[in-house]
PDB file of N, CA and C in Angstrom:
ATOM      1  N   UNK A   1      70.703  99.454 117.865  1.00  0.00           N
ATOM      2  CA  UNK A   1      70.675  98.018 117.570  1.00  0.00           C
ATOM      3  C   UNK A   1      71.990  97.363 117.999  1.00  0.00           C
ATOM      4  N   UNK A   2      73.095  98.005 117.733  1.00  0.00           N
ATOM      5  CA  UNK A   2      74.396  97.440 118.096  1.00  0.00           C
ATOM      6  C   UNK A   2      74.509  97.300 119.608  1.00  0.00           C
ATOM      7  N   UNK A   3      74.043  98.317 120.346  1.00  0.00           N
ATOM      8  CA  UNK A   3      74.115  98.281 121.805  1.00  0.00           C
ATOM      9  C   UNK A   3      73.342  97.098 122.359  1.00  0.00           C
ATOM     10  N   UNK A   4      72.186  96.811 121.800  1.00  0.00           N
ATOM     11  CA  UNK A   4      71.371  95.682 122.246  1.00  0.00           C
ATOM     12  C   UNK A   4      72.134  94.375 122.053  1.00  0.00           C
ATOM     13  N   UNK A   5      72.815  94.252 120.945  1.00  0.00           N
ATOM     14  CA  UNK A   5      73.565  93.028 120.669  1.00  0.00           C
ATOM     15  C   UNK A   5      74.719  92.856 121.639  1.00  0.00           C
ATOM     16  N   UNK A   6      75.349  93.956 122.014  1.00  0.00           N
ATOM     17  CA  UNK A   6      76.514  93.882 122.891  1.00  0.00           C
ATOM     18  C   UNK A   6      76.146  93.458 124.305  1.00  0.00           C
ATOM     19  N   UNK A   7      74.881  93.672 124.710  1.00  0.00           N
ATOM     20  CA  UNK A   7      74.465  93.307 126.070  1.00  0.00           C
ATOM     21  C   UNK A   7      74.589  91.797 126.259  1.00  0.00           C
ATOM     22  N   UNK A   8      74.170  91.024 125.279  1.00  0.00           N
ATOM     23  CA  UNK A   8      74.252  89.564 125.390  1.00  0.00           C
ATOM     24  C   UNK A   8      75.586  89.079 124.849  1.00  0.00           C
ATOM     25  N   UNK A   9      76.076  87.984 125.423  1.00  0.00           N
ATOM     26  CA  UNK A   9      77.356  87.418 124.985  1.00  0.00           C
ATOM     27  C   UNK A   9      77.288  86.984 123.525  1.00  0.00           C
ATOM     28  N   UNK A  10      76.205  86.299 123.182  1.00  0.00           N
ATOM     29  CA  UNK A  10      76.056  85.793 121.813  1.00  0.00           C
ATOM     30  C   UNK A  10      76.110  86.935 120.809  1.00  0.00           C
ATOM     31  N   UNK A  11      75.397  88.010 121.133  1.00  0.00           N
ATOM     32  CA  UNK A  11      75.342  89.159 120.227  1.00  0.00           C
ATOM     33  C   UNK A  11      76.714  89.751 119.987  1.00  0.00           C
ATOM     34  N   UNK A  12      77.483  89.921 121.069  1.00  0.00           N
ATOM     35  CA  UNK A  12      78.809  90.531 120.919  1.00  0.00           C
ATOM     36  C   UNK A  12      79.724  89.620 120.116  1.00  0.00           C
ATOM     37  N   UNK A  13      79.611  88.325 120.341  1.00  0.00           N
ATOM     38  CA  UNK A  13      80.438  87.379 119.577  1.00  0.00           C
ATOM     39  C   UNK A  13      80.105  87.481 118.094  1.00  0.00           C
ATOM     40  N   UNK A  14      78.829  87.499 117.781  1.00  0.00           N
ATOM     41  CA  UNK A  14      78.412  87.592 116.383  1.00  0.00           C
ATOM     42  C   UNK A  14      78.899  88.888 115.756  1.00  0.00           C
ATOM     43  N   UNK A  15      78.832  89.959 116.548  1.00  0.00           N
ATOM     44  CA  UNK A  15      79.264  91.262 116.050  1.00  0.00           C
ATOM     45  C   UNK A  15      80.740  91.226 115.684  1.00  0.00           C
ATOM     46  N   UNK A  16      81.551  90.677 116.585  1.00  0.00           N
ATOM     47  CA  UNK A  16      82.998  90.603 116.362  1.00  0.00           C
ATOM     48  C   UNK A  16      83.297  89.713 115.158  1.00  0.00           C
ATOM     49  N   UNK A  17      82.629  88.562 115.094  1.00  0.00           N
ATOM     50  CA  UNK A  17      82.854  87.642 113.978  1.00  0.00           C
ATOM     51  C   UNK A  17      82.466  88.321 112.668  1.00  0.00           C
ATOM     52  N   UNK A  18      81.348  89.039 112.684  1.00  0.00           N
ATOM     53  CA  UNK A  18      80.892  89.753 111.490  1.00  0.00           C
ATOM     54  C   UNK A  18      81.919  90.760 111.020  1.00  0.00           C
ATOM     55  N   UNK A  19      82.491  91.516 111.972  1.00  0.00           N
ATOM     56  CA  UNK A  19      83.502  92.514 111.614  1.00  0.00           C
ATOM     57  C   UNK A  19      84.746  91.834 111.066  1.00  0.00           C
ATOM     58  N   UNK A  20      85.116  90.710 111.674  1.00  0.00           N
ATOM     59  CA  UNK A  20      86.302  89.971 111.230  1.00  0.00           C
ATOM     60  C   UNK A  20      86.118  89.498 109.791  1.00  0.00           C
ATOM     61  N   UNK A  21      84.937  88.975 109.497  1.00  0.00           N
ATOM     62  CA  UNK A  21      84.659  88.465 108.149  1.00  0.00           C
ATOM     63  C   UNK A  21      84.733  89.602 107.132  1.00  0.00           C
ATOM     64  N   UNK A  22      84.152  90.757 107.466  1.00  0.00           N
ATOM     65  CA  UNK A  22      84.176  91.869 106.506  1.00  0.00           C
ATOM     66  C   UNK A  22      85.602  92.346 106.275  1.00  0.00           C
ATOM     67  N   UNK A  23      86.410  92.376 107.338  1.00  0.00           N
ATOM     68  CA  UNK A  23      87.801  92.823 107.162  1.00  0.00           C
ATOM     69  C   UNK A  23      88.559  91.828 106.291  1.00  0.00           C
ATOM     70  N   UNK A  24      88.274  90.528 106.474  1.00  0.00           N
ATOM     71  CA  UNK A  24      88.921  89.508 105.648  1.00  0.00           C
ATOM     72  C   UNK A  24      88.506  89.659 104.193  1.00  0.00           C
ATOM     73  N   UNK A  25      87.222  89.930 103.967  1.00  0.00           N
ATOM     74  CA  UNK A  25      86.730  90.109 102.604  1.00  0.00           C
ATOM     75  C   UNK A  25      87.415  91.288 101.935  1.00  0.00           C
ATOM     76  N   UNK A  26      87.643  92.358 102.702  1.00  0.00           N
ATOM     77  CA  UNK A  26      88.324  93.529 102.148  1.00  0.00           C
ATOM     78  C   UNK A  26      89.735  93.153 101.725  1.00  0.00           C
ATOM     79  N   UNK A  27      90.424  92.382 102.574  1.00  0.00           N
ATOM     80  CA  UNK A  27      91.794  91.960 102.253  1.00  0.00           C
ATOM     81  C   UNK A  27      91.797  91.121 100.983  1.00  0.00           C
ATOM     82  N   UNK A  28      90.845  90.197 100.887  1.00  0.00           N
ATOM     83  CA  UNK A  28      90.757  89.335  99.710  1.00  0.00           C
ATOM     84  C   UNK A  28      90.510  90.172  98.462  1.00  0.00           C
ATOM     85  N   UNK A  29      89.599  91.127  98.569  1.00  0.00           N
ATOM     86  CA  UNK A  29      89.271  91.983  97.429  1.00  0.00           C
ATOM     87  C   UNK A  29      90.498  92.769  96.991  1.00  0.00           C
ATOM     88  N   UNK A  30      91.234  93.302  97.969  1.00  0.00           N
ATOM     89  CA  UNK A  30      92.441  94.068  97.637  1.00  0.00           C
ATOM     90  C   UNK A  30      93.459  93.191  96.925  1.00  0.00           C
ATOM     91  N   UNK A  31      93.619  91.951  97.399  1.00  0.00           N
ATOM     92  CA  UNK A  31      94.570  91.029  96.763  1.00  0.00           C
ATOM     93  C   UNK A  31      94.168  90.785  95.316  1.00  0.00           C
ATOM     94  N   UNK A  32      92.862  90.579  95.094  1.00  0.00           N
ATOM     95  CA  UNK A  32      92.375  90.330  93.735  1.00  0.00           C
ATOM     96  C   UNK A  32      92.626  91.531  92.845  1.00  0.00           C
ATOM     97  N   UNK A  33      92.361  92.726  93.388  1.00  0.00           N
ATOM     98  CA  UNK A  33      92.543  93.954  92.601  1.00  0.00           C
ATOM     99  C   UNK A  33      94.012  94.116  92.209  1.00  0.00           C
ATOM    100  N   UNK A  34      94.919  93.919  93.165  1.00  0.00           N
ATOM    101  CA  UNK A  34      96.348  94.085  92.860  1.00  0.00           C
ATOM    102  C   UNK A  34      96.789  93.035  91.852  1.00  0.00           C
ATOM    103  N   UNK A  35      96.245  91.832  91.972  1.00  0.00           N
ATOM    104  CA  UNK A  35      96.581  90.765  91.029  1.00  0.00           C
ATOM    105  C   UNK A  35      96.167  91.179  89.616  1.00  0.00           C
ATOM    106  N   UNK A  36      94.938  91.694  89.495  1.00  0.00           N
ATOM    107  CA  UNK A  36      94.446  92.134  88.191  1.00  0.00           C
ATOM    108  C   UNK A  36      95.305  93.259  87.639  1.00  0.00           C
ATOM    109  N   UNK A  37      95.681  94.186  88.509  1.00  0.00           N
ATOM    110  CA  UNK A  37      96.515  95.315  88.075  1.00  0.00           C
ATOM    111  C   UNK A  37      97.843  94.817  87.542  1.00  0.00           C
ATOM    112  N   UNK A  38      98.453  93.866  88.257  1.00  0.00           N
ATOM    113  CA  UNK A  38      99.746  93.332  87.828  1.00  0.00           C
ATOM    114  C   UNK A  38      99.621  92.628  86.486  1.00  0.00           C
ATOM    115  N   UNK A  39      98.559  91.853  86.312  1.00  0.00           N
ATOM    116  CA  UNK A  39      98.342  91.166  85.044  1.00  0.00           C
ATOM    117  C   UNK A  39      98.155  92.170  83.917  1.00  0.00           C
ATOM    118  N   UNK A  40      97.443  93.248  84.207  1.00  0.00           N
ATOM    119  CA  UNK A  40      97.184  94.285  83.208  1.00  0.00           C
ATOM    120  C   UNK A  40      98.491  94.947  82.788  1.00  0.00           C
ATOM    121  N   UNK A  41      99.357  95.216  83.756  1.00  0.00           N
ATOM    122  CA  UNK A  41     100.654  95.830  83.462  1.00  0.00           C
ATOM    123  C   UNK A  41     101.484  94.902  82.582  1.00  0.00           C
ATOM    124  N   UNK A  42     101.484  93.609  82.906  1.00  0.00           N
ATOM    125  CA  UNK A  42     102.244  92.628  82.119  1.00  0.00           C
ATOM    126  C   UNK A  42     101.741  92.606  80.680  1.00  0.00           C
ATOM    127  N   UNK A  43     100.411  92.658  80.513  1.00  0.00           N
ATOM    128  CA  UNK A  43      99.830  92.651  79.174  1.00  0.00           C
ATOM    129  C   UNK A  43     100.280  93.873  78.387  1.00  0.00           C
ATOM    130  N   UNK A  44     100.271  95.027  79.044  1.00  0.00           N
ATOM    131  CA  UNK A  44     100.687  96.270  78.379  1.00  0.00           C
ATOM    132  C   UNK A  44     102.134  96.192  77.931  1.00  0.00           C
ATOM    133  N   UNK A  45     102.984  95.629  78.763  1.00  0.00           N
ATOM    134  CA  UNK A  45     104.408  95.510  78.427  1.00  0.00           C
ATOM    135  C   UNK A  45     104.574  94.605  77.212  1.00  0.00           C
ATOM    136  N   UNK A  46     103.844  93.491  77.179  1.00  0.00           N
ATOM    137  CA  UNK A  46     103.930  92.562  76.045  1.00  0.00           C
ATOM    138  C   UNK A  46     103.478  93.241  74.757  1.00  0.00           C
ATOM    139  N   UNK A  47     102.407  94.033  74.852  1.00  0.00           N
ATOM    140  CA  UNK A  47     101.865  94.702  73.664  1.00  0.00           C
ATOM    141  C   UNK A  47     102.821  95.751  73.115  1.00  0.00           C
ATOM    142  N   UNK A  48     103.575  96.393  73.978  1.00  0.00           N
ATOM    143  CA  UNK A  48     104.488  97.457  73.540  1.00  0.00           C
ATOM    144  C   UNK A  48     105.695  96.898  72.796  1.00  0.00           C
ATOM    145  N   UNK A  49     106.102  95.676  73.109  1.00  0.00           N
ATOM    146  CA  UNK A  49     107.284  95.083  72.465  1.00  0.00           C
ATOM    147  C   UNK A  49     107.034  94.676  71.057  1.00  0.00           C
TER     148      UNK A  49
END
């Protein structure tokens, strides 16, 4: 299926855009996860005091 898409210009463009979007989503997800982790650490520190 991927090979068929690459034959046409439109298909290859869509494929590249699709990959770009997924990579961006991964970056966003990672940022959210690290943010949550940092908030969790801050909460733990407050609770210990």
